[in-house]
Amino acid sequence: MIADVLTDAAERMKKALEATKEDFSTVRTGRANPALFQKVLVNYYGSPTPLSQLASLQNPEARTIIVTPYDKGALRDIEQALRDMPNLGANPTNDGNIIRVTLPDLTEERRREFVKVVKVKAEDGKISVRNIRRKAKDDLDALKSEVGDDEVARAEKELEASTKSVVDAIDDALKRKETELLEI
């Protein structure tokens, strides 16, 4: 029973780490990256649809993304969704077949703003991990009467170790992303 609680907590923490890393990929660096558009939702016939389901994304140059819709009727909706996207700073151009998004150069001030955004995302990831730890600790405390205090104490130490390793992994990912953002 203790092993089940620890395994479940470890799996959920790993998912929280992956989600945090995925969030980091949506923050723009100096280079264009199709992952920037991962969370863009397009109002397609009245329902919000992920951009990846409506178009292919290509990265022909360092600061350019070409969006090729599968359905030409969605071109205007995709363009509007890209224009409304926060933190992009680009003005998409539509030539009737494709949408070309050229990202402007990042200023030092804008880079620092993105570092702040990434730090907030990292803190959100850590909070998620801590919430998972708290729930697992509560589950372990509920098992005290069945398995004994010593077993629960051992399991809590193991839980703390796995929590620390995931939080450290989030910190490492944050440092890498900060370096990438501040690189000119």
Protein backbone atom coordinates (compact mmCIF):
# COMPACT_ATOMS: atom_id res chain seq x y z
CA MET A 1 0.00 0.00 0.00
CA ILE A 2 2.85 2.36 0.82
CA ALA A 3 4.56 1.42 -2.43
CA ASP A 4 1.38 2.27 -4.34
CA VAL A 5 1.21 5.73 -2.77
CA LEU A 6 4.89 6.40 -3.52
CA THR A 7 4.64 5.10 -7.09
CA ASP A 8 1.55 7.19 -7.79
CA ALA A 9 3.19 10.31 -6.34
CA ALA A 10 6.38 9.75 -8.36
CA GLU A 11 4.40 9.32 -11.59
CA ARG A 12 2.35 12.45 -10.95
CA MET A 13 5.49 14.44 -10.10
CA LYS A 14 7.12 13.28 -13.33
CA LYS A 15 4.05 14.47 -15.26
CA ALA A 16 4.21 17.84 -13.47
CA LEU A 17 7.88 18.14 -14.48
CA GLU A 18 7.04 17.34 -18.12
CA ALA A 19 4.18 19.85 -18.10
CA THR A 20 6.51 22.54 -16.74
CA LYS A 21 9.11 21.81 -19.42
CA GLU A 22 6.36 21.95 -22.03
CA ASP A 23 5.29 25.35 -20.66
CA PHE A 24 8.90 26.53 -20.98
CA SER A 25 8.90 25.62 -24.67
CA THR A 26 6.00 28.02 -25.29
CA VAL A 27 8.09 30.99 -24.14
CA ARG A 28 9.85 32.57 -27.05
CA THR A 29 13.61 32.82 -27.34
CA GLY A 30 15.47 34.64 -30.11
CA ARG A 31 14.70 31.83 -32.56
CA ALA A 32 11.36 30.89 -34.05
CA ASN A 33 10.17 27.52 -32.86
CA PRO A 34 6.94 25.70 -33.78
CA ALA A 35 6.51 24.85 -30.07
CA LEU A 36 5.68 28.53 -29.50
CA PHE A 37 2.34 27.88 -31.19
CA GLN A 38 1.61 24.68 -29.30
CA LYS A 39 -1.12 26.19 -27.12
CA VAL A 40 -2.76 28.43 -29.74
CA LEU A 41 -6.48 27.75 -29.99
CA VAL A 42 -8.27 28.76 -33.18
CA ASN A 43 -12.00 29.47 -33.24
CA TYR A 44 -12.80 26.95 -35.97
CA TYR A 45 -16.51 26.79 -36.81
CA GLY A 46 -17.41 27.93 -33.32
CA SER A 47 -15.20 25.59 -31.30
CA PRO A 48 -11.68 26.22 -30.00
CA THR A 49 -9.34 23.91 -31.89
CA PRO A 50 -5.56 23.54 -31.41
CA LEU A 51 -3.58 25.07 -34.26
CA SER A 52 -1.64 21.82 -34.75
CA GLN A 53 -4.89 20.12 -35.83
CA LEU A 54 -5.66 22.80 -38.42
CA ALA A 55 -2.29 23.52 -40.01
CA SER A 56 1.29 22.41 -40.48
CA LEU A 57 4.07 24.57 -39.07
CA GLN A 58 7.43 24.96 -40.78
CA ASN A 59 10.53 26.82 -39.68
CA PRO A 60 12.43 27.82 -42.87
CA GLU A 61 14.50 30.60 -41.26
CA ALA A 62 15.70 31.49 -37.77
CA ARG A 63 12.92 34.00 -37.08
CA THR A 64 10.16 32.87 -39.45
CA ILE A 65 7.36 30.33 -39.10
CA ILE A 66 5.17 29.36 -42.04
CA VAL A 67 1.68 28.16 -41.17
CA THR A 68 0.01 26.13 -43.92
CA PRO A 69 -3.64 25.40 -43.14
CA TYR A 70 -5.16 22.09 -44.19
CA ASP A 71 -8.44 23.91 -44.87
CA LYS A 72 -8.04 27.22 -46.71
CA GLY A 73 -11.34 28.35 -45.18
CA ALA A 74 -9.65 28.46 -41.78
CA LEU A 75 -6.93 30.86 -42.98
CA ARG A 76 -8.57 34.01 -41.60
CA ASP A 77 -9.41 32.36 -38.24
CA ILE A 78 -5.85 31.09 -37.85
CA GLU A 79 -4.45 34.52 -38.69
CA GLN A 80 -6.72 36.12 -36.09
CA ALA A 81 -5.70 33.60 -33.42
CA LEU A 82 -2.02 34.29 -34.13
CA ARG A 83 -2.60 38.04 -34.01
CA ASP A 84 -4.36 37.70 -30.61
CA MET A 85 -1.58 35.54 -29.17
CA PRO A 86 0.03 37.22 -26.13
CA ASN A 87 3.82 37.61 -25.83
CA LEU A 88 4.39 37.03 -29.55
CA GLY A 89 4.99 40.58 -30.75
CA ALA A 90 4.64 39.60 -34.41
CA ASN A 91 2.18 40.58 -37.09
CA PRO A 92 1.24 37.54 -39.20
CA THR A 93 0.85 38.11 -42.95
CA ASN A 94 -1.60 36.15 -45.05
CA ASP A 95 -0.98 35.66 -48.79
CA GLY A 96 -4.12 33.61 -49.45
CA ASN A 97 -2.44 30.21 -49.12
CA ILE A 98 -0.11 30.43 -46.15
CA ILE A 99 0.48 32.62 -43.13
CA ARG A 100 4.00 33.88 -42.59
CA VAL A 101 4.92 34.88 -39.02
CA THR A 102 8.20 36.78 -38.71
CA LEU A 103 9.24 37.28 -35.11
CA PRO A 104 10.96 40.57 -34.28
CA ASP A 105 14.35 40.66 -32.57
CA LEU A 106 14.10 40.52 -28.81
CA THR A 107 15.27 43.57 -26.92
CA GLU A 108 17.15 43.18 -23.64
CA GLU A 109 14.08 44.42 -21.77
CA ARG A 110 11.82 41.89 -23.50
CA ARG A 111 14.26 39.08 -22.72
CA ARG A 112 14.17 40.02 -19.03
CA GLU A 113 10.35 40.00 -19.14
CA PHE A 114 10.42 36.50 -20.61
CA VAL A 115 12.80 35.37 -17.85
CA LYS A 116 10.21 36.57 -15.32
CA VAL A 117 7.48 34.66 -17.16
CA VAL A 118 9.59 31.48 -17.11
CA LYS A 119 10.29 31.90 -13.39
CA VAL A 120 6.54 32.12 -12.73
CA LYS A 121 5.99 28.94 -14.77
CA ALA A 122 8.75 27.19 -12.80
CA GLU A 123 7.19 28.25 -9.50
CA ASP A 124 3.81 26.96 -10.69
CA GLY A 125 5.46 23.61 -11.48
CA LYS A 126 7.06 23.48 -8.02
CA ILE A 127 3.72 24.29 -6.38
CA SER A 128 2.13 21.44 -8.32
CA VAL A 129 4.86 19.05 -7.13
CA ARG A 130 4.42 20.20 -3.52
CA ASN A 131 0.66 19.65 -3.76
CA ILE A 132 1.30 16.11 -4.98
CA ARG A 133 3.69 15.58 -2.06
CA ARG A 134 1.10 16.90 0.42
CA LYS A 135 -1.58 14.55 -0.91
CA ALA A 136 0.80 11.58 -0.78
CA LYS A 137 1.83 12.51 2.77
CA ASP A 138 -1.84 12.64 3.81
CA ASP A 139 -2.36 9.22 2.23
CA LEU A 140 0.65 7.86 4.11
CA ASP A 141 -0.60 9.33 7.41
CA ALA A 142 -3.91 7.55 6.83
CA LEU A 143 -2.00 4.26 6.61
CA LYS A 144 -0.19 4.69 9.97
CA SER A 145 -2.66 2.52 11.88
CA GLU A 146 -2.28 -0.33 9.38
CA VAL A 147 1.48 -0.44 8.76
CA GLY A 148 3.09 1.35 11.70
CA ASP A 149 4.93 4.59 12.33
CA ASP A 150 8.37 3.35 11.27
CA GLU A 151 7.24 2.27 7.81
CA VAL A 152 5.38 5.55 7.26
CA ALA A 153 8.44 7.56 8.41
CA ARG A 154 10.64 5.62 5.96
CA ALA A 155 8.14 6.22 3.16
CA GLU A 156 7.98 9.94 3.98
CA LYS A 157 11.77 10.19 3.68
CA GLU A 158 11.55 8.47 0.29
CA LEU A 159 8.77 10.86 -0.73
CA GLU A 160 10.88 13.86 0.29
CA ALA A 161 13.83 12.54 -1.73
CA SER A 162 11.73 12.13 -4.88
CA THR A 163 10.15 15.56 -4.34
CA LYS A 164 13.59 17.15 -4.02
CA SER A 165 14.84 15.46 -7.18
CA VAL A 166 11.86 16.72 -9.22
CA VAL A 167 12.14 20.26 -7.81
CA ASP A 168 15.87 20.22 -8.64
CA ALA A 169 15.04 19.08 -12.19
CA ILE A 170 12.62 22.02 -12.55
CA ASP A 171 15.35 24.38 -11.29
CA ASP A 172 17.83 22.93 -13.82
CA ALA A 173 15.34 23.36 -16.66
CA LEU A 174 14.73 26.94 -15.50
CA LYS A 175 18.46 27.70 -15.56
CA ARG A 176 18.78 26.29 -19.09
CA LYS A 177 15.81 28.31 -20.32
CA GLU A 178 17.12 31.50 -18.66
CA THR A 179 20.49 31.02 -20.36
CA GLU A 180 18.73 30.42 -23.68
CA LEU A 181 16.60 33.55 -23.24
CA LEU A 182 19.47 35.84 -22.31
CA GLU A 183 21.71 34.52 -25.11
CA ILE A 184 21.99 37.08 -27.90
